[in-house]
Amino acid sequence: MTNVSFIKEAGLSLVYENTEKGISSRIHPDLVIAADGANSGIRKLMFPELETPYAGYLTWRGVVSEKDVTEETIKFLYNIAFRYHLEGSYIVGYVFVFLPDFESGLIVA
């Protein structure tokens, strides 16, 4: 996406570029969902003066395949989420029902 705008009379307008063909197209959607992360390019297009200061925290994530976890651990964690508070931080744990297939990049049951 290279441009997004809203004009009351015309509504939303999105311009995006097909990088393979080198051509730009414009669409007029009813809704745009900008789910492109903390350093959102869409946010920068919509609100170029908006500053997003560092929030003061860091997130670490990890995923373990079910086959690598003992049955006892699976039974303990099933249907719960937990949070441990530490000085200046905390740990959150929960079970994913579906895990990604890391080779294909797909979500599998």
PDB file of N, CA and C in Angstrom:
ATOM      1  N   MET A   1       0.838  -1.150   0.000  1.00  0.00           N
ATOM      2  CA  MET A   1       0.000   0.000   0.000  1.00  0.00           C
ATOM      3  C   MET A   1       0.898   1.232   0.000  1.00  0.00           C
ATOM      4  N   THR A   2       0.593   2.163  -0.869  1.00  0.00           N
ATOM      5  CA  THR A   2       1.409   3.363  -0.962  1.00  0.00           C
ATOM      6  C   THR A   2       0.675   4.616  -0.529  1.00  0.00           C
ATOM      7  N   ASN A   3      -0.662   4.542  -0.426  1.00  0.00           N
ATOM      8  CA  ASN A   3      -1.420   5.701   0.009  1.00  0.00           C
ATOM      9  C   ASN A   3      -2.783   5.255   0.519  1.00  0.00           C
ATOM     10  N   VAL A   4      -3.253   5.935   1.558  1.00  0.00           N
ATOM     11  CA  VAL A   4      -4.598   5.726   2.070  1.00  0.00           C
ATOM     12  C   VAL A   4      -5.147   7.094   2.451  1.00  0.00           C
ATOM     13  N   SER A   5      -6.410   7.318   2.118  1.00  0.00           N
ATOM     14  CA  SER A   5      -6.999   8.612   2.449  1.00  0.00           C
ATOM     15  C   SER A   5      -8.490   8.441   2.683  1.00  0.00           C
ATOM     16  N   PHE A   6      -9.065   9.427   3.350  1.00  0.00           N
ATOM     17  CA  PHE A   6     -10.509   9.448   3.576  1.00  0.00           C
ATOM     18  C   PHE A   6     -11.007  10.857   3.303  1.00  0.00           C
ATOM     19  N   ILE A   7     -11.947  10.955   2.404  1.00  0.00           N
ATOM     20  CA  ILE A   7     -12.630  12.213   2.113  1.00  0.00           C
ATOM     21  C   ILE A   7     -14.107  11.957   2.343  1.00  0.00           C
ATOM     22  N   LYS A   8     -14.727  12.785   3.161  1.00  0.00           N
ATOM     23  CA  LYS A   8     -16.114  12.560   3.568  1.00  0.00           C
ATOM     24  C   LYS A   8     -17.028  12.263   2.380  1.00  0.00           C
ATOM     25  N   GLU A   9     -16.898  13.040   1.311  1.00  0.00           N
ATOM     26  CA  GLU A   9     -17.773  12.866   0.154  1.00  0.00           C
ATOM     27  C   GLU A   9     -17.448  11.614  -0.661  1.00  0.00           C
ATOM     28  N   ALA A  10     -16.174  11.217  -0.669  1.00  0.00           N
ATOM     29  CA  ALA A  10     -15.739  10.104  -1.524  1.00  0.00           C
ATOM     30  C   ALA A  10     -15.489   8.811  -0.758  1.00  0.00           C
ATOM     31  N   GLY A  11     -15.295   8.886   0.554  1.00  0.00           N
ATOM     32  CA  GLY A  11     -15.018   7.698   1.346  1.00  0.00           C
ATOM     33  C   GLY A  11     -13.539   7.329   1.348  1.00  0.00           C
ATOM     34  N   LEU A  12     -13.276   6.077   1.651  1.00  0.00           N
ATOM     35  CA  LEU A  12     -11.900   5.579   1.710  1.00  0.00           C
ATOM     36  C   LEU A  12     -11.324   5.381   0.324  1.00  0.00           C
ATOM     37  N   SER A  13     -10.040   5.617   0.225  1.00  0.00           N
ATOM     38  CA  SER A  13      -9.317   5.383  -1.016  1.00  0.00           C
ATOM     39  C   SER A  13      -7.969   4.769  -0.653  1.00  0.00           C
ATOM     40  N   LEU A  14      -7.656   3.648  -1.280  1.00  0.00           N
ATOM     41  CA  LEU A  14      -6.390   2.951  -1.044  1.00  0.00           C
ATOM     42  C   LEU A  14      -5.652   2.810  -2.362  1.00  0.00           C
ATOM     43  N   VAL A  15      -4.377   3.136  -2.358  1.00  0.00           N
ATOM     44  CA  VAL A  15      -3.540   2.920  -3.533  1.00  0.00           C
ATOM     45  C   VAL A  15      -2.495   1.881  -3.141  1.00  0.00           C
ATOM     46  N   TYR A  16      -2.385   0.856  -3.956  1.00  0.00           N
ATOM     47  CA  TYR A  16      -1.377  -0.168  -3.675  1.00  0.00           C
ATOM     48  C   TYR A  16      -0.615  -0.458  -4.960  1.00  0.00           C
ATOM     49  N   GLU A  17       0.584  -0.983  -4.786  1.00  0.00           N
ATOM     50  CA  GLU A  17       1.446  -1.239  -5.929  1.00  0.00           C
ATOM     51  C   GLU A  17       1.704  -2.734  -6.064  1.00  0.00           C
ATOM     52  N   ASN A  18       1.542  -3.233  -7.268  1.00  0.00           N
ATOM     53  CA  ASN A  18       1.929  -4.596  -7.593  1.00  0.00           C
ATOM     54  C   ASN A  18       3.402  -4.536  -7.959  1.00  0.00           C
ATOM     55  N   THR A  19       4.261  -4.924  -7.031  1.00  0.00           N
ATOM     56  CA  THR A  19       5.705  -4.773  -7.237  1.00  0.00           C
ATOM     57  C   THR A  19       6.238  -5.691  -8.338  1.00  0.00           C
ATOM     58  N   GLU A  20       5.562  -6.810  -8.582  1.00  0.00           N
ATOM     59  CA  GLU A  20       6.015  -7.713  -9.647  1.00  0.00           C
ATOM     60  C   GLU A  20       5.780  -7.098 -11.024  1.00  0.00           C
ATOM     61  N   LYS A  21       4.611  -6.429 -11.182  1.00  0.00           N
ATOM     62  CA  LYS A  21       4.274  -5.853 -12.488  1.00  0.00           C
ATOM     63  C   LYS A  21       4.623  -4.373 -12.583  1.00  0.00           C
ATOM     64  N   GLY A  22       4.909  -3.744 -11.429  1.00  0.00           N
ATOM     65  CA  GLY A  22       5.262  -2.337 -11.426  1.00  0.00           C
ATOM     66  C   GLY A  22       4.107  -1.403 -11.721  1.00  0.00           C
ATOM     67  N   ILE A  23       2.890  -1.831 -11.383  1.00  0.00           N
ATOM     68  CA  ILE A  23       1.721  -0.975 -11.623  1.00  0.00           C
ATOM     69  C   ILE A  23       1.004  -0.684 -10.312  1.00  0.00           C
ATOM     70  N   SER A  24       0.358   0.478 -10.261  1.00  0.00           N
ATOM     71  CA  SER A  24      -0.411   0.884  -9.087  1.00  0.00           C
ATOM     72  C   SER A  24      -1.894   0.778  -9.399  1.00  0.00           C
ATOM     73  N   SER A  25      -2.681   0.472  -8.365  1.00  0.00           N
ATOM     74  CA  SER A  25      -4.134   0.404  -8.501  1.00  0.00           C
ATOM     75  C   SER A  25      -4.766   1.117  -7.323  1.00  0.00           C
ATOM     76  N   ARG A  26      -5.976   1.621  -7.545  1.00  0.00           N
ATOM     77  CA  ARG A  26      -6.729   2.302  -6.488  1.00  0.00           C
ATOM     78  C   ARG A  26      -8.011   1.518  -6.241  1.00  0.00           C
ATOM     79  N   ILE A  27      -8.332   1.336  -4.962  1.00  0.00           N
ATOM     80  CA  ILE A  27      -9.594   0.705  -4.586  1.00  0.00           C
ATOM     81  C   ILE A  27     -10.303   1.602  -3.569  1.00  0.00           C
ATOM     82  N   HIS A  28     -11.595   1.382  -3.403  1.00  0.00           N
ATOM     83  CA  HIS A  28     -12.411   2.172  -2.476  1.00  0.00           C
ATOM     84  C   HIS A  28     -13.149   1.210  -1.532  1.00  0.00           C
ATOM     85  N   PRO A  29     -12.459   0.697  -0.520  1.00  0.00           N
ATOM     86  CA  PRO A  29     -13.083  -0.269   0.389  1.00  0.00           C
ATOM     87  C   PRO A  29     -14.006   0.418   1.398  1.00  0.00           C
ATOM     88  N   ASP A  30     -14.851  -0.372   2.039  1.00  0.00           N
ATOM     89  CA  ASP A  30     -15.699   0.128   3.120  1.00  0.00           C
ATOM     90  C   ASP A  30     -14.924   0.218   4.427  1.00  0.00           C
ATOM     91  N   LEU A  31     -13.883  -0.607   4.551  1.00  0.00           N
ATOM     92  CA  LEU A  31     -13.145  -0.717   5.800  1.00  0.00           C
ATOM     93  C   LEU A  31     -11.698  -1.076   5.512  1.00  0.00           C
ATOM     94  N   VAL A  32     -10.773  -0.525   6.297  1.00  0.00           N
ATOM     95  CA  VAL A  32      -9.368  -0.899   6.226  1.00  0.00           C
ATOM     96  C   VAL A  32      -8.954  -1.326   7.630  1.00  0.00           C
ATOM     97  N   ILE A  33      -8.371  -2.499   7.752  1.00  0.00           N
ATOM     98  CA  ILE A  33      -7.836  -2.974   9.026  1.00  0.00           C
ATOM     99  C   ILE A  33      -6.323  -2.927   8.909  1.00  0.00           C
ATOM    100  N   ALA A  34      -5.716  -2.083   9.719  1.00  0.00           N
ATOM    101  CA  ALA A  34      -4.262  -1.909   9.686  1.00  0.00           C
ATOM    102  C   ALA A  34      -3.643  -2.771  10.774  1.00  0.00           C
ATOM    103  N   ALA A  35      -3.341  -4.009  10.446  1.00  0.00           N
ATOM    104  CA  ALA A  35      -2.759  -4.941  11.402  1.00  0.00           C
ATOM    105  C   ALA A  35      -1.313  -5.226  11.006  1.00  0.00           C
ATOM    106  N   ASP A  36      -0.553  -4.156  10.812  1.00  0.00           N
ATOM    107  CA  ASP A  36       0.813  -4.327  10.323  1.00  0.00           C
ATOM    108  C   ASP A  36       1.858  -3.984  11.370  1.00  0.00           C
ATOM    109  N   GLY A  37       1.508  -4.093  12.649  1.00  0.00           N
ATOM    110  CA  GLY A  37       2.502  -4.048  13.706  1.00  0.00           C
ATOM    111  C   GLY A  37       2.806  -2.694  14.302  1.00  0.00           C
ATOM    112  N   ALA A  38       3.747  -2.717  15.232  1.00  0.00           N
ATOM    113  CA  ALA A  38       4.107  -1.540  16.019  1.00  0.00           C
ATOM    114  C   ALA A  38       4.681  -0.418  15.165  1.00  0.00           C
ATOM    115  N   ASN A  39       5.397  -0.759  14.120  1.00  0.00           N
ATOM    116  CA  ASN A  39       5.964   0.255  13.217  1.00  0.00           C
ATOM    117  C   ASN A  39       5.122   0.343  11.951  1.00  0.00           C
ATOM    118  N   SER A  40       3.829   0.476  12.142  1.00  0.00           N
ATOM    119  CA  SER A  40       2.849   0.432  11.072  1.00  0.00           C
ATOM    120  C   SER A  40       3.108   1.442   9.958  1.00  0.00           C
ATOM    121  N   GLY A  41       3.285   0.939   8.755  1.00  0.00           N
ATOM    122  CA  GLY A  41       3.388   1.802   7.592  1.00  0.00           C
ATOM    123  C   GLY A  41       2.070   2.483   7.284  1.00  0.00           C
ATOM    124  N   ILE A  42       0.979   1.784   7.533  1.00  0.00           N
ATOM    125  CA  ILE A  42      -0.348   2.359   7.302  1.00  0.00           C
ATOM    126  C   ILE A  42      -0.580   3.525   8.257  1.00  0.00           C
ATOM    127  N   ARG A  43      -0.212   3.362   9.529  1.00  0.00           N
ATOM    128  CA  ARG A  43      -0.353   4.454  10.494  1.00  0.00           C
ATOM    129  C   ARG A  43       0.471   5.662  10.052  1.00  0.00           C
ATOM    130  N   LYS A  44       1.674   5.410   9.560  1.00  0.00           N
ATOM    131  CA  LYS A  44       2.531   6.513   9.098  1.00  0.00           C
ATOM    132  C   LYS A  44       1.914   7.241   7.905  1.00  0.00           C
ATOM    133  N   LEU A  45       1.208   6.502   7.036  1.00  0.00           N
ATOM    134  CA  LEU A  45       0.526   7.145   5.918  1.00  0.00           C
ATOM    135  C   LEU A  45      -0.657   7.981   6.400  1.00  0.00           C
ATOM    136  N   MET A  46      -1.406   7.440   7.361  1.00  0.00           N
ATOM    137  CA  MET A  46      -2.613   8.123   7.845  1.00  0.00           C
ATOM    138  C   MET A  46      -2.288   9.284   8.781  1.00  0.00           C
ATOM    139  N   PHE A  47      -1.290   9.093   9.635  1.00  0.00           N
ATOM    140  CA  PHE A  47      -0.950  10.086  10.661  1.00  0.00           C
ATOM    141  C   PHE A  47       0.562  10.320  10.662  1.00  0.00           C
ATOM    142  N   PRO A  48       1.093  11.002   9.658  1.00  0.00           N
ATOM    143  CA  PRO A  48       2.550  11.136   9.538  1.00  0.00           C
ATOM    144  C   PRO A  48       3.213  11.870  10.700  1.00  0.00           C
ATOM    145  N   GLU A  49       2.491  12.738  11.404  1.00  0.00           N
ATOM    146  CA  GLU A  49       3.089  13.482  12.519  1.00  0.00           C
ATOM    147  C   GLU A  49       3.020  12.725  13.846  1.00  0.00           C
ATOM    148  N   LEU A  50       2.249  11.648  13.889  1.00  0.00           N
ATOM    149  CA  LEU A  50       2.074  10.904  15.136  1.00  0.00           C
ATOM    150  C   LEU A  50       3.375  10.225  15.534  1.00  0.00           C
ATOM    151  N   GLU A  51       3.825  10.479  16.754  1.00  0.00           N
ATOM    152  CA  GLU A  51       5.026   9.824  17.271  1.00  0.00           C
ATOM    153  C   GLU A  51       4.610   8.689  18.191  1.00  0.00           C
ATOM    154  N   THR A  52       5.265   7.574  18.066  1.00  0.00           N
ATOM    155  CA  THR A  52       4.986   6.426  18.928  1.00  0.00           C
ATOM    156  C   THR A  52       6.240   6.139  19.742  1.00  0.00           C
ATOM    157  N   PRO A  53       6.318   6.727  20.940  1.00  0.00           N
ATOM    158  CA  PRO A  53       7.520   6.547  21.756  1.00  0.00           C
ATOM    159  C   PRO A  53       7.630   5.121  22.289  1.00  0.00           C
ATOM    160  N   TYR A  54       8.854   4.748  22.610  1.00  0.00           N
ATOM    161  CA  TYR A  54       9.116   3.431  23.203  1.00  0.00           C
ATOM    162  C   TYR A  54       8.308   3.283  24.475  1.00  0.00           C
ATOM    163  N   ALA A  55       7.601   2.179  24.615  1.00  0.00           N
ATOM    164  CA  ALA A  55       6.715   1.961  25.751  1.00  0.00           C
ATOM    165  C   ALA A  55       7.448   1.473  26.998  1.00  0.00           C
ATOM    166  N   GLY A  56       8.692   1.057  26.857  1.00  0.00           N
ATOM    167  CA  GLY A  56       9.461   0.646  28.019  1.00  0.00           C
ATOM    168  C   GLY A  56       9.384  -0.837  28.335  1.00  0.00           C
ATOM    169  N   TYR A  57       8.974  -1.656  27.372  1.00  0.00           N
ATOM    170  CA  TYR A  57       8.961  -3.091  27.635  1.00  0.00           C
ATOM    171  C   TYR A  57       9.357  -3.871  26.391  1.00  0.00           C
ATOM    172  N   LEU A  58       9.698  -5.114  26.619  1.00  0.00           N
ATOM    173  CA  LEU A  58      10.143  -6.015  25.561  1.00  0.00           C
ATOM    174  C   LEU A  58       9.384  -7.321  25.715  1.00  0.00           C
ATOM    175  N   THR A  59       8.987  -7.926  24.617  1.00  0.00           N
ATOM    176  CA  THR A  59       8.245  -9.184  24.664  1.00  0.00           C
ATOM    177  C   THR A  59       9.085 -10.290  24.040  1.00  0.00           C
ATOM    178  N   TRP A  60       9.153 -11.405  24.736  1.00  0.00           N
ATOM    179  CA  TRP A  60       9.786 -12.613  24.214  1.00  0.00           C
ATOM    180  C   TRP A  60       8.689 -13.642  24.049  1.00  0.00           C
ATOM    181  N   ARG A  61       8.724 -14.372  22.961  1.00  0.00           N
ATOM    182  CA  ARG A  61       7.723 -15.417  22.738  1.00  0.00           C
ATOM    183  C   ARG A  61       8.423 -16.703  22.343  1.00  0.00           C
ATOM    184  N   GLY A  62       7.797 -17.788  22.702  1.00  0.00           N
ATOM    185  CA  GLY A  62       8.327 -19.084  22.309  1.00  0.00           C
ATOM    186  C   GLY A  62       7.202 -20.074  22.120  1.00  0.00           C
ATOM    187  N   VAL A  63       7.397 -21.035  21.247  1.00  0.00           N
ATOM    188  CA  VAL A  63       6.400 -22.070  20.987  1.00  0.00           C
ATOM    189  C   VAL A  63       7.092 -23.414  21.073  1.00  0.00           C
ATOM    190  N   VAL A  64       6.427 -24.352  21.746  1.00  0.00           N
ATOM    191  CA  VAL A  64       6.947 -25.712  21.866  1.00  0.00           C
ATOM    192  C   VAL A  64       5.927 -26.655  21.258  1.00  0.00           C
ATOM    193  N   SER A  65       6.368 -27.546  20.392  1.00  0.00           N
ATOM    194  CA  SER A  65       5.479 -28.527  19.787  1.00  0.00           C
ATOM    195  C   SER A  65       4.963 -29.487  20.855  1.00  0.00           C
ATOM    196  N   GLU A  66       3.714 -29.883  20.732  1.00  0.00           N
ATOM    197  CA  GLU A  66       3.101 -30.782  21.715  1.00  0.00           C
ATOM    198  C   GLU A  66       3.876 -32.082  21.863  1.00  0.00           C
ATOM    199  N   LYS A  67       4.469 -32.549  20.781  1.00  0.00           N
ATOM    200  CA  LYS A  67       5.214 -33.822  20.853  1.00  0.00           C
ATOM    201  C   LYS A  67       6.453 -33.723  21.734  1.00  0.00           C
ATOM    202  N   ASP A  68       6.893 -32.476  22.023  1.00  0.00           N
ATOM    203  CA  ASP A  68       8.083 -32.275  22.845  1.00  0.00           C
ATOM    204  C   ASP A  68       7.756 -32.008  24.312  1.00  0.00           C
ATOM    205  N   VAL A  69       6.470 -32.125  24.680  1.00  0.00           N
ATOM    206  CA  VAL A  69       6.033 -31.839  26.044  1.00  0.00           C
ATOM    207  C   VAL A  69       5.463 -33.109  26.649  1.00  0.00           C
ATOM    208  N   THR A  70       5.741 -33.343  27.926  1.00  0.00           N
ATOM    209  CA  THR A  70       5.241 -34.556  28.564  1.00  0.00           C
ATOM    210  C   THR A  70       3.720 -34.514  28.698  1.00  0.00           C
ATOM    211  N   GLU A  71       3.110 -35.680  28.746  1.00  0.00           N
ATOM    212  CA  GLU A  71       1.658 -35.783  28.918  1.00  0.00           C
ATOM    213  C   GLU A  71       1.227 -35.125  30.225  1.00  0.00           C
ATOM    214  N   GLU A  72       2.035 -35.267  31.269  1.00  0.00           N
ATOM    215  CA  GLU A  72       1.736 -34.645  32.556  1.00  0.00           C
ATOM    216  C   GLU A  72       1.661 -33.112  32.428  1.00  0.00           C
ATOM    217  N   THR A  73       2.594 -32.524  31.695  1.00  0.00           N
ATOM    218  CA  THR A  73       2.596 -31.067  31.495  1.00  0.00           C
ATOM    219  C   THR A  73       1.386 -30.633  30.684  1.00  0.00           C
ATOM    220  N   ILE A  74       1.053 -31.390  29.638  1.00  0.00           N
ATOM    221  CA  ILE A  74      -0.123 -31.058  28.825  1.00  0.00           C
ATOM    222  C   ILE A  74      -1.385 -31.089  29.679  1.00  0.00           C
ATOM    223  N   LYS A  75      -1.542 -32.108  30.496  1.00  0.00           N
ATOM    224  CA  LYS A  75      -2.726 -32.204  31.368  1.00  0.00           C
ATOM    225  C   LYS A  75      -2.770 -31.052  32.364  1.00  0.00           C
ATOM    226  N   PHE A  76      -1.605 -30.651  32.881  1.00  0.00           N
ATOM    227  CA  PHE A  76      -1.551 -29.549  33.836  1.00  0.00           C
ATOM    228  C   PHE A  76      -1.945 -28.224  33.185  1.00  0.00           C
ATOM    229  N   LEU A  77      -1.477 -27.981  31.968  1.00  0.00           N
ATOM    230  CA  LEU A  77      -1.698 -26.702  31.296  1.00  0.00           C
ATOM    231  C   LEU A  77      -3.009 -26.618  30.523  1.00  0.00           C
ATOM    232  N   TYR A  78      -3.646 -27.766  30.274  1.00  0.00           N
ATOM    233  CA  TYR A  78      -4.846 -27.776  29.448  1.00  0.00           C
ATOM    234  C   TYR A  78      -5.931 -26.885  30.050  1.00  0.00           C
ATOM    235  N   ASN A  79      -6.477 -25.993  29.235  1.00  0.00           N
ATOM    236  CA  ASN A  79      -7.575 -25.097  29.626  1.00  0.00           C
ATOM    237  C   ASN A  79      -7.210 -24.050  30.662  1.00  0.00           C
ATOM    238  N   ILE A  80      -5.939 -23.727  30.834  1.00  0.00           N
ATOM    239  CA  ILE A  80      -5.581 -22.661  31.779  1.00  0.00           C
ATOM    240  C   ILE A  80      -4.577 -21.707  31.131  1.00  0.00           C
ATOM    241  N   ALA A  81      -4.506 -20.557  31.687  1.00  0.00           N
ATOM    242  CA  ALA A  81      -3.439 -19.602  31.372  1.00  0.00           C
ATOM    243  C   ALA A  81      -2.863 -19.195  32.719  1.00  0.00           C
ATOM    244  N   PHE A  82      -1.584 -18.909  32.770  1.00  0.00           N
ATOM    245  CA  PHE A  82      -0.995 -18.522  34.044  1.00  0.00           C
ATOM    246  C   PHE A  82      -0.133 -17.288  33.869  1.00  0.00           C
ATOM    247  N   ARG A  83       0.026 -16.564  34.961  1.00  0.00           N
ATOM    248  CA  ARG A  83       0.853 -15.361  34.948  1.00  0.00           C
ATOM    249  C   ARG A  83       1.624 -15.312  36.257  1.00  0.00           C
ATOM    250  N   TYR A  84       2.942 -15.169  36.141  1.00  0.00           N
ATOM    251  CA  TYR A  84       3.810 -15.025  37.306  1.00  0.00           C
ATOM    252  C   TYR A  84       4.376 -13.611  37.314  1.00  0.00           C
ATOM    253  N   HIS A  85       4.219 -12.937  38.442  1.00  0.00           N
ATOM    254  CA  HIS A  85       4.775 -11.591  38.584  1.00  0.00           C
ATOM    255  C   HIS A  85       6.179 -11.683  39.168  1.00  0.00           C
ATOM    256  N   LEU A  86       7.102 -10.972  38.547  1.00  0.00           N
ATOM    257  CA  LEU A  86       8.460 -10.851  39.035  1.00  0.00           C
ATOM    258  C   LEU A  86       8.731  -9.368  39.233  1.00  0.00           C
ATOM    259  N   GLU A  87       9.789  -9.025  39.892  1.00  0.00           N
ATOM    260  CA  GLU A  87      10.109  -7.615  40.071  1.00  0.00           C
ATOM    261  C   GLU A  87      10.441  -6.990  38.715  1.00  0.00           C
ATOM    262  N   GLY A  88       9.605  -6.068  38.269  1.00  0.00           N
ATOM    263  CA  GLY A  88       9.824  -5.375  37.005  1.00  0.00           C
ATOM    264  C   GLY A  88       9.392  -6.138  35.771  1.00  0.00           C
ATOM    265  N   SER A  89       8.791  -7.318  35.924  1.00  0.00           N
ATOM    266  CA  SER A  89       8.341  -8.072  34.751  1.00  0.00           C
ATOM    267  C   SER A  89       7.352  -9.149  35.167  1.00  0.00           C
ATOM    268  N   TYR A  90       6.870  -9.881  34.189  1.00  0.00           N
ATOM    269  CA  TYR A  90       6.022 -11.030  34.472  1.00  0.00           C
ATOM    270  C   TYR A  90       6.119 -12.031  33.332  1.00  0.00           C
ATOM    271  N   ILE A  91       5.653 -13.246  33.599  1.00  0.00           N
ATOM    272  CA  ILE A  91       5.667 -14.333  32.625  1.00  0.00           C
ATOM    273  C   ILE A  91       4.232 -14.787  32.428  1.00  0.00           C
ATOM    274  N   VAL A  92       3.819 -14.940  31.178  1.00  0.00           N
ATOM    275  CA  VAL A  92       2.480 -15.421  30.854  1.00  0.00           C
ATOM    276  C   VAL A  92       2.634 -16.712  30.062  1.00  0.00           C
ATOM    277  N   GLY A  93       1.841 -17.707  30.374  1.00  0.00           N
ATOM    278  CA  GLY A  93       1.878 -18.967  29.639  1.00  0.00           C
ATOM    279  C   GLY A  93       0.482 -19.429  29.306  1.00  0.00           C
ATOM    280  N   TYR A  94       0.314 -20.020  28.144  1.00  0.00           N
ATOM    281  CA  TYR A  94      -0.973 -20.566  27.732  1.00  0.00           C
ATOM    282  C   TYR A  94      -0.740 -21.583  26.625  1.00  0.00           C
ATOM    283  N   VAL A  95      -1.746 -22.416  26.376  1.00  0.00           N
ATOM    284  CA  VAL A  95      -1.646 -23.483  25.390  1.00  0.00           C
ATOM    285  C   VAL A  95      -2.322 -23.027  24.103  1.00  0.00           C
ATOM    286  N   PHE A  96      -1.660 -23.255  22.955  1.00  0.00           N
ATOM    287  CA  PHE A  96      -2.265 -23.031  21.648  1.00  0.00           C
ATOM    288  C   PHE A  96      -3.019 -24.288  21.259  1.00  0.00           C
ATOM    289  N   VAL A  97      -4.232 -24.126  20.794  1.00  0.00           N
ATOM    290  CA  VAL A  97      -4.985 -25.282  20.312  1.00  0.00           C
ATOM    291  C   VAL A  97      -4.434 -25.725  18.957  1.00  0.00           C
ATOM    292  N   PHE A  98      -4.111 -24.762  18.113  1.00  0.00           N
ATOM    293  CA  PHE A  98      -3.529 -25.052  16.808  1.00  0.00           C
ATOM    294  C   PHE A  98      -2.120 -24.485  16.780  1.00  0.00           C
ATOM    295  N   LEU A  99      -1.195 -25.227  16.245  1.00  0.00           N
ATOM    296  CA  LEU A  99       0.186 -24.779  16.138  1.00  0.00           C
ATOM    297  C   LEU A  99       0.569 -24.662  14.671  1.00  0.00           C
ATOM    298  N   PRO A 100       1.431 -23.728  14.335  1.00  0.00           N
ATOM    299  CA  PRO A 100       1.851 -23.607  12.941  1.00  0.00           C
ATOM    300  C   PRO A 100       2.737 -24.770  12.517  1.00  0.00           C
ATOM    301  N   ASP A 101       2.589 -25.166  11.273  1.00  0.00           N
ATOM    302  CA  ASP A 101       3.523 -26.103  10.668  1.00  0.00           C
ATOM    303  C   ASP A 101       4.678 -25.256  10.160  1.00  0.00           C
ATOM    304  N   PHE A 102       5.809 -25.277  10.858  1.00  0.00           N
ATOM    305  CA  PHE A 102       6.894 -24.358  10.582  1.00  0.00           C
ATOM    306  C   PHE A 102       7.512 -24.566   9.201  1.00  0.00           C
ATOM    307  N   GLU A 103       7.393 -25.759   8.648  1.00  0.00           N
ATOM    308  CA  GLU A 103       7.961 -25.995   7.317  1.00  0.00           C
ATOM    309  C   GLU A 103       7.114 -25.347   6.228  1.00  0.00           C
ATOM    310  N   SER A 104       5.761 -25.488   6.348  1.00  0.00           N
ATOM    311  CA  SER A 104       4.897 -24.935   5.306  1.00  0.00           C
ATOM    312  C   SER A 104       4.404 -23.540   5.629  1.00  0.00           C
ATOM    313  N   GLY A 105       4.460 -23.143   6.921  1.00  0.00           N
ATOM    314  CA  GLY A 105       3.941 -21.847   7.316  1.00  0.00           C
ATOM    315  C   GLY A 105       2.444 -21.828   7.512  1.00  0.00           C
ATOM    316  N   LEU A 106       1.798 -22.996   7.432  1.00  0.00           N
ATOM    317  CA  LEU A 106       0.340 -23.077   7.567  1.00  0.00           C
ATOM    318  C   LEU A 106      -0.048 -23.408   8.996  1.00  0.00           C
ATOM    319  N   ILE A 107      -1.283 -23.064   9.358  1.00  0.00           N
ATOM    320  CA  ILE A 107      -1.834 -23.450  10.656  1.00  0.00           C
ATOM    321  C   ILE A 107      -2.492 -24.806  10.462  1.00  0.00           C
ATOM    322  N   VAL A 108      -2.120 -25.759  11.305  1.00  0.00           N
ATOM    323  CA  VAL A 108      -2.659 -27.116  11.169  1.00  0.00           C
ATOM    324  C   VAL A 108      -3.240 -27.574  12.497  1.00  0.00           C
ATOM    325  N   ALA A 109      -4.190 -28.491  12.428  1.00  0.00           N
ATOM    326  CA  ALA A 109      -4.811 -29.032  13.641  1.00  0.00           C
ATOM    327  C   ALA A 109      -3.933 -30.096  14.245  1.00  0.00           C
TER     328      ALA A 109
END
